[in-house]
Amino acid sequence: MYTPKPVDTSKIKLPDDLNTLVEMLAENNHDTWAEQRMREGWRFGSKRDDAHKTHPDLVPYNDLPESEKEYDRKMAVETIKVILLSGYRVEKL
């Protein structure tokens, strides 16, 4: 049986200056997901329908509901936190 074991990042606080990076990564995550779905034949539809391969989130990131944007942001934040927890630095050059 599969038991997810994500890295515990609860003690890592992201600096506020990484907010722009978080948003950029969140949008890129969405675009990567959408591009893959479209390659698989999915297209926009008002509701998700696996049989007809339609999905309401196949829209530009800015047009997503805030709840979906938050999901993408959470994935971006967790990725950055794991990077920082692993001893790497994130800095803009």
C-alpha atoms as a PDB file:
ATOM      1  CA  MET A   1       0.000   0.000   0.000  1.00  0.00           C
ATOM      2  CA  TYR A   2       1.281   3.454  -0.937  1.00  0.00           C
ATOM      3  CA  THR A   3       1.817   5.893   1.923  1.00  0.00           C
ATOM      4  CA  PRO A   4       2.833   9.389   0.796  1.00  0.00           C
ATOM      5  CA  LYS A   5       5.802  10.766   2.734  1.00  0.00           C
ATOM      6  CA  PRO A   6       6.389  14.367   1.681  1.00  0.00           C
ATOM      7  CA  VAL A   7       9.355  16.165   3.200  1.00  0.00           C
ATOM      8  CA  ASP A   8       8.356  18.049   6.367  1.00  0.00           C
ATOM      9  CA  THR A   9       8.777  21.684   5.378  1.00  0.00           C
ATOM     10  CA  SER A  10       6.609  23.119   8.149  1.00  0.00           C
ATOM     11  CA  LYS A  11       9.530  24.924   9.797  1.00  0.00           C
ATOM     12  CA  ILE A  12      10.632  26.676   6.595  1.00  0.00           C
ATOM     13  CA  LYS A  13       9.337  30.209   6.052  1.00  0.00           C
ATOM     14  CA  LEU A  14       9.722  31.631   2.580  1.00  0.00           C
ATOM     15  CA  PRO A  15      11.061  35.163   2.383  1.00  0.00           C
ATOM     16  CA  ASP A  16       8.497  37.619   0.999  1.00  0.00           C
ATOM     17  CA  ASP A  17      10.809  38.462  -1.887  1.00  0.00           C
ATOM     18  CA  LEU A  18      10.134  34.989  -3.343  1.00  0.00           C
ATOM     19  CA  ASN A  19       6.422  35.706  -3.909  1.00  0.00           C
ATOM     20  CA  THR A  20       7.044  36.692  -7.522  1.00  0.00           C
ATOM     21  CA  LEU A  21       8.931  33.433  -8.081  1.00  0.00           C
ATOM     22  CA  VAL A  22       6.107  31.448  -6.459  1.00  0.00           C
ATOM     23  CA  GLU A  23       3.564  33.010  -8.808  1.00  0.00           C
ATOM     24  CA  MET A  24       5.794  32.423 -11.843  1.00  0.00           C
ATOM     25  CA  LEU A  25       6.278  28.755 -10.908  1.00  0.00           C
ATOM     26  CA  ALA A  26       2.568  28.315 -10.198  1.00  0.00           C
ATOM     27  CA  GLU A  27       1.676  29.656 -13.642  1.00  0.00           C
ATOM     28  CA  ASN A  28       4.332  27.475 -15.254  1.00  0.00           C
ATOM     29  CA  ASN A  29       3.015  24.403 -13.392  1.00  0.00           C
ATOM     30  CA  HIS A  30      -0.449  25.115 -14.743  1.00  0.00           C
ATOM     31  CA  ASP A  31       0.815  25.690 -18.278  1.00  0.00           C
ATOM     32  CA  THR A  32       2.849  22.469 -18.183  1.00  0.00           C
ATOM     33  CA  TRP A  33      -0.193  20.532 -16.967  1.00  0.00           C
ATOM     34  CA  ALA A  34      -2.453  22.145 -19.599  1.00  0.00           C
ATOM     35  CA  GLU A  35       0.019  21.540 -22.412  1.00  0.00           C
ATOM     36  CA  GLN A  36       0.263  17.847 -21.512  1.00  0.00           C
ATOM     37  CA  ARG A  37      -3.516  17.473 -21.361  1.00  0.00           C
ATOM     38  CA  MET A  38      -3.923  19.156 -24.752  1.00  0.00           C
ATOM     39  CA  ARG A  39      -1.309  16.851 -26.275  1.00  0.00           C
ATOM     40  CA  GLU A  40      -3.403  13.963 -24.951  1.00  0.00           C
ATOM     41  CA  GLY A  41      -6.458  15.339 -26.772  1.00  0.00           C
ATOM     42  CA  TRP A  42      -8.137  17.186 -23.909  1.00  0.00           C
ATOM     43  CA  ARG A  43      -9.910  20.481 -24.558  1.00  0.00           C
ATOM     44  CA  PHE A  44     -11.824  23.081 -22.595  1.00  0.00           C
ATOM     45  CA  GLY A  45     -15.273  22.131 -21.375  1.00  0.00           C
ATOM     46  CA  SER A  46     -17.584  23.625 -18.770  1.00  0.00           C
ATOM     47  CA  LYS A  47     -17.227  20.475 -16.664  1.00  0.00           C
ATOM     48  CA  ARG A  48     -14.707  17.686 -16.442  1.00  0.00           C
ATOM     49  CA  ASP A  49     -15.653  14.736 -18.581  1.00  0.00           C
ATOM     50  CA  ASP A  50     -13.016  12.010 -18.819  1.00  0.00           C
ATOM     51  CA  ALA A  51     -14.837  10.183 -21.618  1.00  0.00           C
ATOM     52  CA  HIS A  52     -14.965  13.287 -23.818  1.00  0.00           C
ATOM     53  CA  LYS A  53     -11.656  14.673 -22.513  1.00  0.00           C
ATOM     54  CA  THR A  54     -13.008  18.061 -21.478  1.00  0.00           C
ATOM     55  CA  HIS A  55     -11.840  20.057 -18.463  1.00  0.00           C
ATOM     56  CA  PRO A  56     -12.877  23.480 -17.135  1.00  0.00           C
ATOM     57  CA  ASP A  57      -9.316  24.355 -16.079  1.00  0.00           C
ATOM     58  CA  LEU A  58      -7.897  24.329 -19.605  1.00  0.00           C
ATOM     59  CA  VAL A  59      -7.768  28.113 -19.576  1.00  0.00           C
ATOM     60  CA  PRO A  60      -4.961  30.626 -19.053  1.00  0.00           C
ATOM     61  CA  TYR A  61      -3.668  30.747 -15.474  1.00  0.00           C
ATOM     62  CA  ASN A  62      -5.149  34.218 -14.902  1.00  0.00           C
ATOM     63  CA  ASP A  63      -8.610  32.875 -15.758  1.00  0.00           C
ATOM     64  CA  LEU A  64      -8.481  30.031 -13.230  1.00  0.00           C
ATOM     65  CA  PRO A  65     -10.615  30.147 -10.102  1.00  0.00           C
ATOM     66  CA  GLU A  66      -8.608  31.275  -7.086  1.00  0.00           C
ATOM     67  CA  SER A  67      -8.900  27.795  -5.544  1.00  0.00           C
ATOM     68  CA  GLU A  68      -7.028  26.276  -8.506  1.00  0.00           C
ATOM     69  CA  LYS A  69      -4.383  29.003  -8.433  1.00  0.00           C
ATOM     70  CA  GLU A  70      -3.849  28.236  -4.738  1.00  0.00           C
ATOM     71  CA  TYR A  71      -3.229  24.568  -5.552  1.00  0.00           C
ATOM     72  CA  ASP A  72      -0.542  25.541  -8.075  1.00  0.00           C
ATOM     73  CA  ARG A  73       0.967  28.035  -5.600  1.00  0.00           C
ATOM     74  CA  LYS A  74       1.106  25.392  -2.877  1.00  0.00           C
ATOM     75  CA  MET A  75       3.042  23.048  -5.170  1.00  0.00           C
ATOM     76  CA  ALA A  76       5.461  25.875  -6.026  1.00  0.00           C
ATOM     77  CA  VAL A  77       5.928  26.854  -2.370  1.00  0.00           C
ATOM     78  CA  GLU A  78       6.557  23.263  -1.311  1.00  0.00           C
ATOM     79  CA  THR A  79       9.124  22.808  -4.073  1.00  0.00           C
ATOM     80  CA  ILE A  80      11.014  25.934  -3.020  1.00  0.00           C
ATOM     81  CA  LYS A  81      10.858  24.881   0.639  1.00  0.00           C
ATOM     82  CA  VAL A  82      12.400  21.485  -0.160  1.00  0.00           C
ATOM     83  CA  ILE A  83      15.156  23.244  -2.094  1.00  0.00           C
ATOM     84  CA  LEU A  84      15.886  25.513   0.882  1.00  0.00           C
ATOM     85  CA  LEU A  85      15.647  22.664   3.399  1.00  0.00           C
ATOM     86  CA  SER A  86      18.178  20.742   1.313  1.00  0.00           C
ATOM     87  CA  GLY A  87      20.760  23.481   1.811  1.00  0.00           C
ATOM     88  CA  TYR A  88      20.378  25.277  -1.504  1.00  0.00           C
ATOM     89  CA  ARG A  89      19.827  29.011  -1.889  1.00  0.00           C
ATOM     90  CA  VAL A  90      17.377  30.728  -4.156  1.00  0.00           C
ATOM     91  CA  GLU A  91      18.583  34.123  -5.241  1.00  0.00           C
ATOM     92  CA  LYS A  92      17.879  36.398  -8.137  1.00  0.00           C
ATOM     93  CA  LEU A  93      20.905  37.364 -10.161  1.00  0.00           C
END
